[in-house]
PDB file of all heavy atoms in Angstrom:
ATOM      1  N   PHE A   1     -51.925  41.120 -89.275  1.00  0.00           N
ATOM      2  CA  PHE A   1     -50.537  40.666 -89.290  1.00  0.00           C
ATOM      3  C   PHE A   1     -50.385  39.464 -90.211  1.00  0.00           C
ATOM      4  O   PHE A   1     -51.263  38.602 -90.285  1.00  0.00           O
ATOM      5  CB  PHE A   1     -50.145  40.289 -87.860  1.00  0.00           C
ATOM      6  CG  PHE A   1     -48.721  39.893 -87.646  1.00  0.00           C
ATOM      7  CD1 PHE A   1     -47.678  40.748 -87.939  1.00  0.00           C
ATOM      8  CD2 PHE A   1     -48.420  38.640 -87.101  1.00  0.00           C
ATOM      9  CE1 PHE A   1     -46.365  40.380 -87.707  1.00  0.00           C
ATOM     10  CE2 PHE A   1     -47.114  38.261 -86.865  1.00  0.00           C
ATOM     11  CZ  PHE A   1     -46.076  39.137 -87.165  1.00  0.00           C
ATOM     12  N   GLN A   2     -49.260  39.439 -90.904  1.00  0.00           N
ATOM     13  CA  GLN A   2     -48.969  38.319 -91.793  1.00  0.00           C
ATOM     14  C   GLN A   2     -47.523  37.887 -91.596  1.00  0.00           C
ATOM     15  O   GLN A   2     -46.609  38.714 -91.618  1.00  0.00           O
ATOM     16  CB  GLN A   2     -49.203  38.723 -93.250  1.00  0.00           C
ATOM     17  CG  GLN A   2     -49.052  37.584 -94.248  1.00  0.00           C
ATOM     18  CD  GLN A   2     -49.310  38.045 -95.669  1.00  0.00           C
ATOM     19  OE1 GLN A   2     -48.437  38.614 -96.319  1.00  0.00           O
ATOM     20  NE2 GLN A   2     -50.531  37.822 -96.145  1.00  0.00           N
ATOM     21  N   ILE A   3     -47.335  36.606 -91.371  1.00  0.00           N
ATOM     22  CA  ILE A   3     -46.000  36.032 -91.268  1.00  0.00           C
ATOM     23  C   ILE A   3     -45.640  35.451 -92.634  1.00  0.00           C
ATOM     24  O   ILE A   3     -46.355  34.578 -93.155  1.00  0.00           O
ATOM     25  CB  ILE A   3     -45.954  34.907 -90.216  1.00  0.00           C
ATOM     26  CG1 ILE A   3     -46.360  35.447 -88.841  1.00  0.00           C
ATOM     27  CG2 ILE A   3     -44.551  34.285 -90.146  1.00  0.00           C
ATOM     28  CD1 ILE A   3     -46.535  34.361 -87.788  1.00  0.00           C
ATOM     29  N   GLY A   4     -44.555  35.936 -93.207  1.00  0.00           N
ATOM     30  CA  GLY A   4     -44.095  35.424 -94.489  1.00  0.00           C
ATOM     31  C   GLY A   4     -42.926  34.477 -94.289  1.00  0.00           C
ATOM     32  O   GLY A   4     -41.928  34.845 -93.667  1.00  0.00           O
ATOM     33  N   LEU A   5     -43.080  33.261 -94.802  1.00  0.00           N
ATOM     34  CA  LEU A   5     -42.004  32.269 -94.773  1.00  0.00           C
ATOM     35  C   LEU A   5     -41.419  32.229 -96.179  1.00  0.00           C
ATOM     36  O   LEU A   5     -41.913  31.504 -97.055  1.00  0.00           O
ATOM     37  CB  LEU A   5     -42.544  30.903 -94.344  1.00  0.00           C
ATOM     38  CG  LEU A   5     -43.310  30.886 -93.012  1.00  0.00           C
ATOM     39  CD1 LEU A   5     -43.941  29.510 -92.759  1.00  0.00           C
ATOM     40  CD2 LEU A   5     -42.392  31.261 -91.857  1.00  0.00           C
ATOM     41  N   THR A   6     -40.383  33.020 -96.419  1.00  0.00           N
ATOM     42  CA  THR A   6     -39.918  33.260 -97.787  1.00  0.00           C
ATOM     43  C   THR A   6     -39.291  32.035 -98.442  1.00  0.00           C
ATOM     44  O   THR A   6     -39.303  31.906 -99.663  1.00  0.00           O
ATOM     45  CB  THR A   6     -38.915  34.426 -97.819  1.00  0.00           C
ATOM     46  OG1 THR A   6     -37.763  34.083 -97.026  1.00  0.00           O
ATOM     47  CG2 THR A   6     -39.533  35.695 -97.264  1.00  0.00           C
ATOM     48  N   LYS A   7     -38.734  31.138 -97.639  1.00  0.00           N
ATOM     49  CA  LYS A   7     -38.079  29.967 -98.227  1.00  0.00           C
ATOM     50  C   LYS A   7     -39.078  28.975 -98.799  1.00  0.00           C
ATOM     51  O   LYS A   7     -38.738  28.155 -99.662  1.00  0.00           O
ATOM     52  CB  LYS A   7     -37.184  29.297 -97.184  1.00  0.00           C
ATOM     53  CG  LYS A   7     -35.975  30.155 -96.789  1.00  0.00           C
ATOM     54  CD  LYS A   7     -35.066  29.445 -95.802  1.00  0.00           C
ATOM     55  CE  LYS A   7     -33.856  30.316 -95.459  1.00  0.00           C
ATOM     56  NZ  LYS A   7     -32.934  29.656 -94.501  1.00  0.00           N
ATOM     57  N   SER A   8     -40.313  29.031 -98.320  1.00  0.00           N
ATOM     58  CA  SER A   8     -41.346  28.130 -98.835  1.00  0.00           C
ATOM     59  C   SER A   8     -42.489  28.889 -99.494  1.00  0.00           C
ATOM     60  O   SER A   8     -43.478  28.281 -99.920  1.00  0.00           O
ATOM     61  CB  SER A   8     -41.899  27.259 -97.700  1.00  0.00           C
ATOM     62  OG  SER A   8     -42.457  28.071 -96.673  1.00  0.00           O
ATOM     63  N   SER A   9     -42.357  30.232 -99.540  1.00  0.00           N
ATOM     64  CA  SER A   9     -43.385  31.093-100.157  1.00  0.00           C
ATOM     65  C   SER A   9     -44.748  30.908 -99.504  1.00  0.00           C
ATOM     66  O   SER A   9     -45.790  31.001-100.160  1.00  0.00           O
ATOM     67  CB  SER A   9     -43.481  30.834-101.672  1.00  0.00           C
ATOM     68  OG  SER A   9     -42.258  31.094-102.296  1.00  0.00           O
ATOM     69  N   ARG A  10     -44.747  30.666 -98.195  1.00  0.00           N
ATOM     70  CA  ARG A  10     -45.994  30.502 -97.469  1.00  0.00           C
ATOM     71  C   ARG A  10     -46.258  31.730 -96.611  1.00  0.00           C
ATOM     72  O   ARG A  10     -45.334  32.406 -96.163  1.00  0.00           O
ATOM     73  CB  ARG A  10     -45.957  29.253 -96.590  1.00  0.00           C
ATOM     74  CG  ARG A  10     -45.945  27.953 -97.380  1.00  0.00           C
ATOM     75  CD  ARG A  10     -45.916  26.732 -96.469  1.00  0.00           C
ATOM     76  NE  ARG A  10     -47.041  26.702 -95.538  1.00  0.00           N
ATOM     77  CZ  ARG A  10     -48.287  26.372 -95.872  1.00  0.00           C
ATOM     78  NH1 ARG A  10     -48.580  26.069 -97.112  1.00  0.00           N
ATOM     79  NH2 ARG A  10     -49.256  26.360 -94.958  1.00  0.00           N
ATOM     80  N   THR A  11     -47.546  32.005 -96.375  1.00  0.00           N
ATOM     81  CA  THR A  11     -47.930  33.113 -95.494  1.00  0.00           C
ATOM     82  C   THR A  11     -48.978  32.636 -94.500  1.00  0.00           C
ATOM     83  O   THR A  11     -49.842  31.811 -94.832  1.00  0.00           O
ATOM     84  CB  THR A  11     -48.495  34.308 -96.287  1.00  0.00           C
ATOM     85  OG1 THR A  11     -49.627  33.878 -97.061  1.00  0.00           O
ATOM     86  CG2 THR A  11     -47.445  34.910 -97.214  1.00  0.00           C
ATOM     87  N   LEU A  12     -48.883  33.157 -93.286  1.00  0.00           N
ATOM     88  CA  LEU A  12     -49.830  32.859 -92.222  1.00  0.00           C
ATOM     89  C   LEU A  12     -50.367  34.185 -91.715  1.00  0.00           C
ATOM     90  O   LEU A  12     -49.588  35.113 -91.441  1.00  0.00           O
ATOM     91  CB  LEU A  12     -49.135  32.089 -91.092  1.00  0.00           C
ATOM     92  CG  LEU A  12     -48.264  30.881 -91.510  1.00  0.00           C
ATOM     93  CD1 LEU A  12     -47.496  30.336 -90.313  1.00  0.00           C
ATOM     94  CD2 LEU A  12     -49.120  29.802 -92.145  1.00  0.00           C
ATOM     95  N   SER A  13     -51.672  34.307 -91.552  1.00  0.00           N
ATOM     96  CA  SER A  13     -52.268  35.606 -91.248  1.00  0.00           C
ATOM     97  C   SER A  13     -53.186  35.555 -90.037  1.00  0.00           C
ATOM     98  O   SER A  13     -53.807  34.536 -89.748  1.00  0.00           O
ATOM     99  CB  SER A  13     -53.074  36.116 -92.460  1.00  0.00           C
ATOM    100  OG  SER A  13     -52.258  36.218 -93.607  1.00  0.00           O
ATOM    101  N   GLY A  14     -53.289  36.705 -89.359  1.00  0.00           N
ATOM    102  CA  GLY A  14     -54.186  36.832 -88.223  1.00  0.00           C
ATOM    103  C   GLY A  14     -53.891  38.101 -87.454  1.00  0.00           C
ATOM    104  O   GLY A  14     -53.001  38.870 -87.804  1.00  0.00           O
ATOM    105  N   PRO A  15     -54.622  38.351 -86.372  1.00  0.00           N
ATOM    106  CA  PRO A  15     -54.411  39.555 -85.570  1.00  0.00           C
ATOM    107  C   PRO A  15     -53.155  39.468 -84.713  1.00  0.00           C
ATOM    108  O   PRO A  15     -52.713  38.385 -84.314  1.00  0.00           O
ATOM    109  CB  PRO A  15     -55.669  39.637 -84.704  1.00  0.00           C
ATOM    110  CG  PRO A  15     -56.189  38.248 -84.648  1.00  0.00           C
ATOM    111  CD  PRO A  15     -55.808  37.586 -85.926  1.00  0.00           C
ATOM    112  N   TYR A  16     -52.601  40.639 -84.432  1.00  0.00           N
ATOM    113  CA  TYR A  16     -51.369  40.785 -83.649  1.00  0.00           C
ATOM    114  C   TYR A  16     -51.577  41.903 -82.643  1.00  0.00           C
ATOM    115  O   TYR A  16     -52.140  42.957 -82.969  1.00  0.00           O
ATOM    116  CB  TYR A  16     -50.223  41.140 -84.597  1.00  0.00           C
ATOM    117  CG  TYR A  16     -48.912  41.599 -83.970  1.00  0.00           C
ATOM    118  CD1 TYR A  16     -47.810  40.759 -83.918  1.00  0.00           C
ATOM    119  CD2 TYR A  16     -48.758  42.904 -83.487  1.00  0.00           C
ATOM    120  CE1 TYR A  16     -46.593  41.186 -83.389  1.00  0.00           C
ATOM    121  CE2 TYR A  16     -47.553  43.334 -82.948  1.00  0.00           C
ATOM    122  CZ  TYR A  16     -46.472  42.478 -82.904  1.00  0.00           C
ATOM    123  OH  TYR A  16     -45.271  42.913 -82.383  1.00  0.00           O
ATOM    124  N   SER A  17     -51.137  41.679 -81.411  1.00  0.00           N
ATOM    125  CA  SER A  17     -51.150  42.761 -80.423  1.00  0.00           C
ATOM    126  C   SER A  17     -49.856  42.688 -79.622  1.00  0.00           C
ATOM    127  O   SER A  17     -49.270  41.603 -79.460  1.00  0.00           O
ATOM    128  CB  SER A  17     -52.365  42.660 -79.494  1.00  0.00           C
ATOM    129  OG  SER A  17     -52.341  41.450 -78.766  1.00  0.00           O
ATOM    130  N   ALA A  18     -49.414  43.832 -79.139  1.00  0.00           N
ATOM    131  CA  ALA A  18     -48.159  43.883 -78.386  1.00  0.00           C
ATOM    132  C   ALA A  18     -48.152  45.087 -77.469  1.00  0.00           C
ATOM    133  O   ALA A  18     -48.837  46.089 -77.712  1.00  0.00           O
ATOM    134  CB  ALA A  18     -46.966  43.948 -79.336  1.00  0.00           C
ATOM    135  N   SER A  19     -47.373  44.978 -76.411  1.00  0.00           N
ATOM    136  CA  SER A  19     -47.124  46.115 -75.533  1.00  0.00           C
ATOM    137  C   SER A  19     -45.641  46.121 -75.205  1.00  0.00           C
ATOM    138  O   SER A  19     -45.025  45.058 -75.036  1.00  0.00           O
ATOM    139  CB  SER A  19     -47.966  46.037 -74.257  1.00  0.00           C
ATOM    140  OG  SER A  19     -47.680  44.854 -73.534  1.00  0.00           O
ATOM    141  N   ALA A  20     -45.065  47.321 -75.114  1.00  0.00           N
ATOM    142  CA  ALA A  20     -43.632  47.437 -74.875  1.00  0.00           C
ATOM    143  C   ALA A  20     -43.314  48.802 -74.293  1.00  0.00           C
ATOM    144  O   ALA A  20     -44.009  49.790 -74.557  1.00  0.00           O
ATOM    145  CB  ALA A  20     -42.848  47.236 -76.175  1.00  0.00           C
ATOM    146  N   ILE A  21     -42.258  48.852 -73.499  1.00  0.00           N
ATOM    147  CA  ILE A  21     -41.722  50.122 -73.012  1.00  0.00           C
ATOM    148  C   ILE A  21     -40.619  50.534 -73.976  1.00  0.00           C
ATOM    149  O   ILE A  21     -39.613  49.823 -74.122  1.00  0.00           O
ATOM    150  CB  ILE A  21     -41.168  49.983 -71.584  1.00  0.00           C
ATOM    151  CG1 ILE A  21     -42.264  49.512 -70.629  1.00  0.00           C
ATOM    152  CG2 ILE A  21     -40.600  51.323 -71.106  1.00  0.00           C
ATOM    153  CD1 ILE A  21     -41.742  49.157 -69.236  1.00  0.00           C
ATOM    154  N   VAL A  22     -40.814  51.669 -74.633  1.00  0.00           N
ATOM    155  CA  VAL A  22     -39.885  52.116 -75.669  1.00  0.00           C
ATOM    156  C   VAL A  22     -39.123  53.352 -75.202  1.00  0.00           C
ATOM    157  O   VAL A  22     -39.728  54.324 -74.746  1.00  0.00           O
ATOM    158  CB  VAL A  22     -40.636  52.454 -76.976  1.00  0.00           C
ATOM    159  CG1 VAL A  22     -39.650  52.831 -78.081  1.00  0.00           C
ATOM    160  CG2 VAL A  22     -41.512  51.285 -77.410  1.00  0.00           C
ATOM    161  N   HIS A  23     -37.809  53.294 -75.328  1.00  0.00           N
ATOM    162  CA  HIS A  23     -36.959  54.476 -75.154  1.00  0.00           C
ATOM    163  C   HIS A  23     -36.429  54.870 -76.528  1.00  0.00           C
ATOM    164  O   HIS A  23     -35.807  54.053 -77.205  1.00  0.00           O
ATOM    165  CB  HIS A  23     -35.788  54.182 -74.221  1.00  0.00           C
ATOM    166  CG  HIS A  23     -36.170  54.034 -72.793  1.00  0.00           C
ATOM    167  ND1 HIS A  23     -35.254  53.854 -71.779  1.00  0.00           N
ATOM    168  CD2 HIS A  23     -37.391  54.052 -72.174  1.00  0.00           C
ATOM    169  CE1 HIS A  23     -35.876  53.755 -70.619  1.00  0.00           C
ATOM    170  NE2 HIS A  23     -37.180  53.867 -70.834  1.00  0.00           N
ATOM    171  N   GLU A  24     -36.697  56.087 -76.928  1.00  0.00           N
ATOM    172  CA  GLU A  24     -36.258  56.577 -78.242  1.00  0.00           C
ATOM    173  C   GLU A  24     -35.360  57.785 -78.046  1.00  0.00           C
ATOM    174  O   GLU A  24     -35.747  58.763 -77.396  1.00  0.00           O
ATOM    175  CB  GLU A  24     -37.464  56.960 -79.100  1.00  0.00           C
ATOM    176  CG  GLU A  24     -37.121  57.324 -80.518  1.00  0.00           C
ATOM    177  CD  GLU A  24     -37.152  56.126 -81.463  1.00  0.00           C
ATOM    178  OE1 GLU A  24     -37.404  55.000 -80.996  1.00  0.00           O
ATOM    179  OE2 GLU A  24     -36.928  56.333 -82.674  1.00  0.00           O
ATOM    180  N   THR A  25     -34.150  57.704 -78.596  1.00  0.00           N
ATOM    181  CA  THR A  25     -33.208  58.822 -78.538  1.00  0.00           C
ATOM    182  C   THR A  25     -33.093  59.426 -79.931  1.00  0.00           C
ATOM    183  O   THR A  25     -32.720  58.734 -80.885  1.00  0.00           O
ATOM    184  CB  THR A  25     -31.821  58.358 -78.049  1.00  0.00           C
ATOM    185  OG1 THR A  25     -31.953  57.759 -76.762  1.00  0.00           O
ATOM    186  CG2 THR A  25     -30.870  59.543 -77.948  1.00  0.00           C
ATOM    187  N   ILE A  26     -33.431  60.695 -80.039  1.00  0.00           N
ATOM    188  CA  ILE A  26     -33.432  61.382 -81.333  1.00  0.00           C
ATOM    189  C   ILE A  26     -32.464  62.555 -81.282  1.00  0.00           C
ATOM    190  O   ILE A  26     -32.459  63.330 -80.317  1.00  0.00           O
ATOM    191  CB  ILE A  26     -34.847  61.856 -81.701  1.00  0.00           C
ATOM    192  CG1 ILE A  26     -35.747  60.636 -81.921  1.00  0.00           C
ATOM    193  CG2 ILE A  26     -34.824  62.749 -82.937  1.00  0.00           C
ATOM    194  CD1 ILE A  26     -37.162  60.957 -82.313  1.00  0.00           C
ATOM    195  N   SER A  27     -31.652  62.658 -82.321  1.00  0.00           N
ATOM    196  CA  SER A  27     -30.705  63.763 -82.442  1.00  0.00           C
ATOM    197  C   SER A  27     -30.997  64.528 -83.728  1.00  0.00           C
ATOM    198  O   SER A  27     -31.346  63.922 -84.749  1.00  0.00           O
ATOM    199  CB  SER A  27     -29.263  63.244 -82.483  1.00  0.00           C
ATOM    200  OG  SER A  27     -28.961  62.470 -81.339  1.00  0.00           O
ATOM    201  N   TYR A  28     -30.865  65.830 -83.659  1.00  0.00           N
ATOM    202  CA  TYR A  28     -31.030  66.638 -84.863  1.00  0.00           C
ATOM    203  C   TYR A  28     -30.284  67.957 -84.687  1.00  0.00           C
ATOM    204  O   TYR A  28     -29.978  68.390 -83.572  1.00  0.00           O
ATOM    205  CB  TYR A  28     -32.506  66.893 -85.173  1.00  0.00           C
ATOM    206  CG  TYR A  28     -33.302  67.531 -84.050  1.00  0.00           C
ATOM    207  CD1 TYR A  28     -33.371  68.918 -83.912  1.00  0.00           C
ATOM    208  CD2 TYR A  28     -34.006  66.745 -83.140  1.00  0.00           C
ATOM    209  CE1 TYR A  28     -34.106  69.500 -82.885  1.00  0.00           C
ATOM    210  CE2 TYR A  28     -34.739  67.314 -82.114  1.00  0.00           C
ATOM    211  CZ  TYR A  28     -34.785  68.692 -81.992  1.00  0.00           C
ATOM    212  OH  TYR A  28     -35.505  69.256 -80.972  1.00  0.00           O
ATOM    213  N   SER A  29     -29.973  68.557 -85.808  1.00  0.00           N
ATOM    214  CA  SER A  29     -29.364  69.883 -85.798  1.00  0.00           C
ATOM    215  C   SER A  29     -30.455  70.920 -86.029  1.00  0.00           C
ATOM    216  O   SER A  29     -31.591  70.576 -86.387  1.00  0.00           O
ATOM    217  CB  SER A  29     -28.295  69.992 -86.895  1.00  0.00           C
ATOM    218  OG  SER A  29     -28.882  69.787 -88.168  1.00  0.00           O
ATOM    219  N   TYR A  30     -30.111  72.170 -85.816  1.00  0.00           N
ATOM    220  CA  TYR A  30     -31.071  73.233 -86.085  1.00  0.00           C
ATOM    221  C   TYR A  30     -30.325  74.496 -86.511  1.00  0.00           C
ATOM    222  O   TYR A  30     -29.113  74.615 -86.319  1.00  0.00           O
ATOM    223  CB  TYR A  30     -31.933  73.532 -84.848  1.00  0.00           C
ATOM    224  CG  TYR A  30     -31.170  74.155 -83.696  1.00  0.00           C
ATOM    225  CD1 TYR A  30     -31.014  75.541 -83.592  1.00  0.00           C
ATOM    226  CD2 TYR A  30     -30.590  73.374 -82.706  1.00  0.00           C
ATOM    227  CE1 TYR A  30     -30.303  76.124 -82.547  1.00  0.00           C
ATOM    228  CE2 TYR A  30     -29.884  73.946 -81.652  1.00  0.00           C
ATOM    229  CZ  TYR A  30     -29.745  75.312 -81.586  1.00  0.00           C
ATOM    230  OH  TYR A  30     -29.037  75.878 -80.556  1.00  0.00           O
ATOM    231  N   LYS A  31     -31.056  75.398 -87.094  1.00  0.00           N
ATOM    232  CA  LYS A  31     -30.519  76.723 -87.386  1.00  0.00           C
ATOM    233  C   LYS A  31     -31.617  77.738 -87.141  1.00  0.00           C
ATOM    234  O   LYS A  31     -32.802  77.368 -87.012  1.00  0.00           O
ATOM    235  CB  LYS A  31     -29.984  76.815 -88.809  1.00  0.00           C
ATOM    236  CG  LYS A  31     -30.990  76.557 -89.906  1.00  0.00           C
ATOM    237  CD  LYS A  31     -30.307  76.616 -91.273  1.00  0.00           C
ATOM    238  CE  LYS A  31     -31.297  76.336 -92.406  1.00  0.00           C
ATOM    239  NZ  LYS A  31     -30.635  76.386 -93.732  1.00  0.00           N
ATOM    240  N   LEU A  32     -31.234  78.971 -87.046  1.00  0.00           N
ATOM    241  CA  LEU A  32     -32.196  80.042 -86.789  1.00  0.00           C
ATOM    242  C   LEU A  32     -32.457  80.854 -88.048  1.00  0.00           C
ATOM    243  O   LEU A  32     -31.577  81.017 -88.893  1.00  0.00           O
ATOM    244  CB  LEU A  32     -31.674  80.963 -85.685  1.00  0.00           C
ATOM    245  CG  LEU A  32     -31.484  80.333 -84.295  1.00  0.00           C
ATOM    246  CD1 LEU A  32     -30.771  81.302 -83.374  1.00  0.00           C
ATOM    247  CD2 LEU A  32     -32.827  79.918 -83.706  1.00  0.00           C
ATOM    248  N   PHE A  33     -33.691  81.321 -88.156  1.00  0.00           N
ATOM    249  CA  PHE A  33     -33.989  82.302 -89.201  1.00  0.00           C
ATOM    250  C   PHE A  33     -34.845  83.400 -88.569  1.00  0.00           C
ATOM    251  O   PHE A  33     -35.515  83.185 -87.547  1.00  0.00           O
ATOM    252  CB  PHE A  33     -34.683  81.662 -90.406  1.00  0.00           C
ATOM    253  CG  PHE A  33     -36.063  81.121 -90.140  1.00  0.00           C
ATOM    254  CD1 PHE A  33     -37.197  81.884 -90.424  1.00  0.00           C
ATOM    255  CD2 PHE A  33     -36.237  79.836 -89.629  1.00  0.00           C
ATOM    256  CE1 PHE A  33     -38.473  81.391 -90.192  1.00  0.00           C
ATOM    257  CE2 PHE A  33     -37.519  79.329 -89.388  1.00  0.00           C
ATOM    258  CZ  PHE A  33     -38.628  80.106 -89.671  1.00  0.00           C
ATOM    259  N   THR A  34     -34.795  84.555 -89.143  1.00  0.00           N
ATOM    260  CA  THR A  34     -35.449  85.733 -88.554  1.00  0.00           C
ATOM    261  C   THR A  34     -36.526  86.261 -89.482  1.00  0.00           C
ATOM    262  O   THR A  34     -36.315  86.396 -90.689  1.00  0.00           O
ATOM    263  CB  THR A  34     -34.410  86.836 -88.278  1.00  0.00           C
ATOM    264  OG1 THR A  34     -33.388  86.311 -87.427  1.00  0.00           O
ATOM    265  CG2 THR A  34     -35.058  88.032 -87.592  1.00  0.00           C
ATOM    266  N   VAL A  35     -37.690  86.550 -88.914  1.00  0.00           N
ATOM    267  CA  VAL A  35     -38.793  87.169 -89.646  1.00  0.00           C
ATOM    268  C   VAL A  35     -39.271  88.364 -88.837  1.00  0.00           C
ATOM    269  O   VAL A  35     -39.689  88.214 -87.681  1.00  0.00           O
ATOM    270  CB  VAL A  35     -39.961  86.181 -89.866  1.00  0.00           C
ATOM    271  CG1 VAL A  35     -41.125  86.894 -90.559  1.00  0.00           C
ATOM    272  CG2 VAL A  35     -39.513  84.978 -90.677  1.00  0.00           C
ATOM    273  N   ASN A  36     -39.150  89.553 -89.432  1.00  0.00           N
ATOM    274  CA  ASN A  36     -39.619  90.779 -88.791  1.00  0.00           C
ATOM    275  C   ASN A  36     -39.077  90.931 -87.363  1.00  0.00           C
ATOM    276  O   ASN A  36     -39.807  91.301 -86.439  1.00  0.00           O
ATOM    277  CB  ASN A  36     -41.154  90.807 -88.783  1.00  0.00           C
ATOM    278  CG  ASN A  36     -41.713  92.217 -88.575  1.00  0.00           C
ATOM    279  OD1 ASN A  36     -41.125  93.198 -89.053  1.00  0.00           O
ATOM    280  ND2 ASN A  36     -42.829  92.314 -87.881  1.00  0.00           N
ATOM    281  N   GLY A  37     -37.800  90.619 -87.198  1.00  0.00           N
ATOM    282  CA  GLY A  37     -37.143  90.798 -85.907  1.00  0.00           C
ATOM    283  C   GLY A  37     -37.310  89.661 -84.925  1.00  0.00           C
ATOM    284  O   GLY A  37     -36.733  89.690 -83.835  1.00  0.00           O
ATOM    285  N   GLU A  38     -38.092  88.638 -85.273  1.00  0.00           N
ATOM    286  CA  GLU A  38     -38.293  87.486 -84.390  1.00  0.00           C
ATOM    287  C   GLU A  38     -37.481  86.296 -84.898  1.00  0.00           C
ATOM    288  O   GLU A  38     -37.471  85.997 -86.099  1.00  0.00           O
ATOM    289  CB  GLU A  38     -39.770  87.085 -84.334  1.00  0.00           C
ATOM    290  CG  GLU A  38     -40.654  88.068 -83.594  1.00  0.00           C
ATOM    291  CD  GLU A  38     -40.561  87.914 -82.077  1.00  0.00           C
ATOM    292  OE1 GLU A  38     -39.663  87.194 -81.596  1.00  0.00           O
ATOM    293  OE2 GLU A  38     -41.400  88.519 -81.387  1.00  0.00           O
ATOM    294  N   ASP A  39     -36.809  85.580 -83.974  1.00  0.00           N
ATOM    295  CA  ASP A  39     -36.047  84.388 -84.340  1.00  0.00           C
ATOM    296  C   ASP A  39     -36.915  83.143 -84.257  1.00  0.00           C
ATOM    297  O   ASP A  39     -37.712  82.978 -83.322  1.00  0.00           O
ATOM    298  CB  ASP A  39     -34.840  84.215 -83.404  1.00  0.00           C
ATOM    299  CG  ASP A  39     -33.758  85.251 -83.657  1.00  0.00           C
ATOM    300  OD1 ASP A  39     -33.679  85.761 -84.791  1.00  0.00           O
ATOM    301  OD2 ASP A  39     -32.995  85.532 -82.726  1.00  0.00           O
ATOM    302  N   TYR A  40     -36.722  82.251 -85.236  1.00  0.00           N
ATOM    303  CA  TYR A  40     -37.436  80.986 -85.302  1.00  0.00           C
ATOM    304  C   TYR A  40     -36.438  79.852 -85.523  1.00  0.00           C
ATOM    305  O   TYR A  40     -35.351  80.064 -86.053  1.00  0.00           O
ATOM    306  CB  TYR A  40     -38.459  80.987 -86.455  1.00  0.00           C
ATOM    307  CG  TYR A  40     -39.559  82.007 -86.299  1.00  0.00           C
ATOM    308  CD1 TYR A  40     -39.348  83.341 -86.647  1.00  0.00           C
ATOM    309  CD2 TYR A  40     -40.804  81.638 -85.813  1.00  0.00           C
ATOM    310  CE1 TYR A  40     -40.357  84.285 -86.497  1.00  0.00           C
ATOM    311  CE2 TYR A  40     -41.822  82.575 -85.670  1.00  0.00           C
ATOM    312  CZ  TYR A  40     -41.589  83.893 -86.011  1.00  0.00           C
ATOM    313  OH  TYR A  40     -42.593  84.822 -85.851  1.00  0.00           O
ATOM    314  N   TYR A  41     -36.853  78.633 -85.128  1.00  0.00           N
ATOM    315  CA  TYR A  41     -36.008  77.461 -85.340  1.00  0.00           C
ATOM    316  C   TYR A  41     -36.371  76.756 -86.642  1.00  0.00           C
ATOM    317  O   TYR A  41     -37.548  76.627 -86.985  1.00  0.00           O
ATOM    318  CB  TYR A  41     -36.178  76.455 -84.200  1.00  0.00           C
ATOM    319  CG  TYR A  41     -35.565  76.881 -82.895  1.00  0.00           C
ATOM    320  CD1 TYR A  41     -36.373  77.230 -81.810  1.00  0.00           C
ATOM    321  CD2 TYR A  41     -34.182  76.923 -82.731  1.00  0.00           C
ATOM    322  CE1 TYR A  41     -35.816  77.601 -80.599  1.00  0.00           C
ATOM    323  CE2 TYR A  41     -33.620  77.308 -81.523  1.00  0.00           C
ATOM    324  CZ  TYR A  41     -34.439  77.646 -80.464  1.00  0.00           C
ATOM    325  OH  TYR A  41     -33.891  78.028 -79.268  1.00  0.00           O
ATOM    326  N   GLU A  42     -35.364  76.264 -87.316  1.00  0.00           N
ATOM    327  CA  GLU A  42     -35.550  75.339 -88.428  1.00  0.00           C
ATOM    328  C   GLU A  42     -34.801  74.063 -88.083  1.00  0.00           C
ATOM    329  O   GLU A  42     -33.570  74.064 -87.974  1.00  0.00           O
ATOM    330  CB  GLU A  42     -35.029  75.915 -89.741  1.00  0.00           C
ATOM    331  CG  GLU A  42     -35.260  74.990 -90.924  1.00  0.00           C
ATOM    332  CD  GLU A  42     -34.839  75.591 -92.253  1.00  0.00           C
ATOM    333  OE1 GLU A  42     -34.692  76.826 -92.325  1.00  0.00           O
ATOM    334  OE2 GLU A  42     -34.644  74.824 -93.213  1.00  0.00           O
TER     335      GLU A  42
END
């Protein structure tokens, strides 16, 4: 891990660890296509 202090162009470096409970909501569209009579998702 590196902390960049852009106003003074300084960097501080070392190891970083973290733990967190993450909720992720994902949305997407889909369509169907057919191969040899079988439907598949795209």
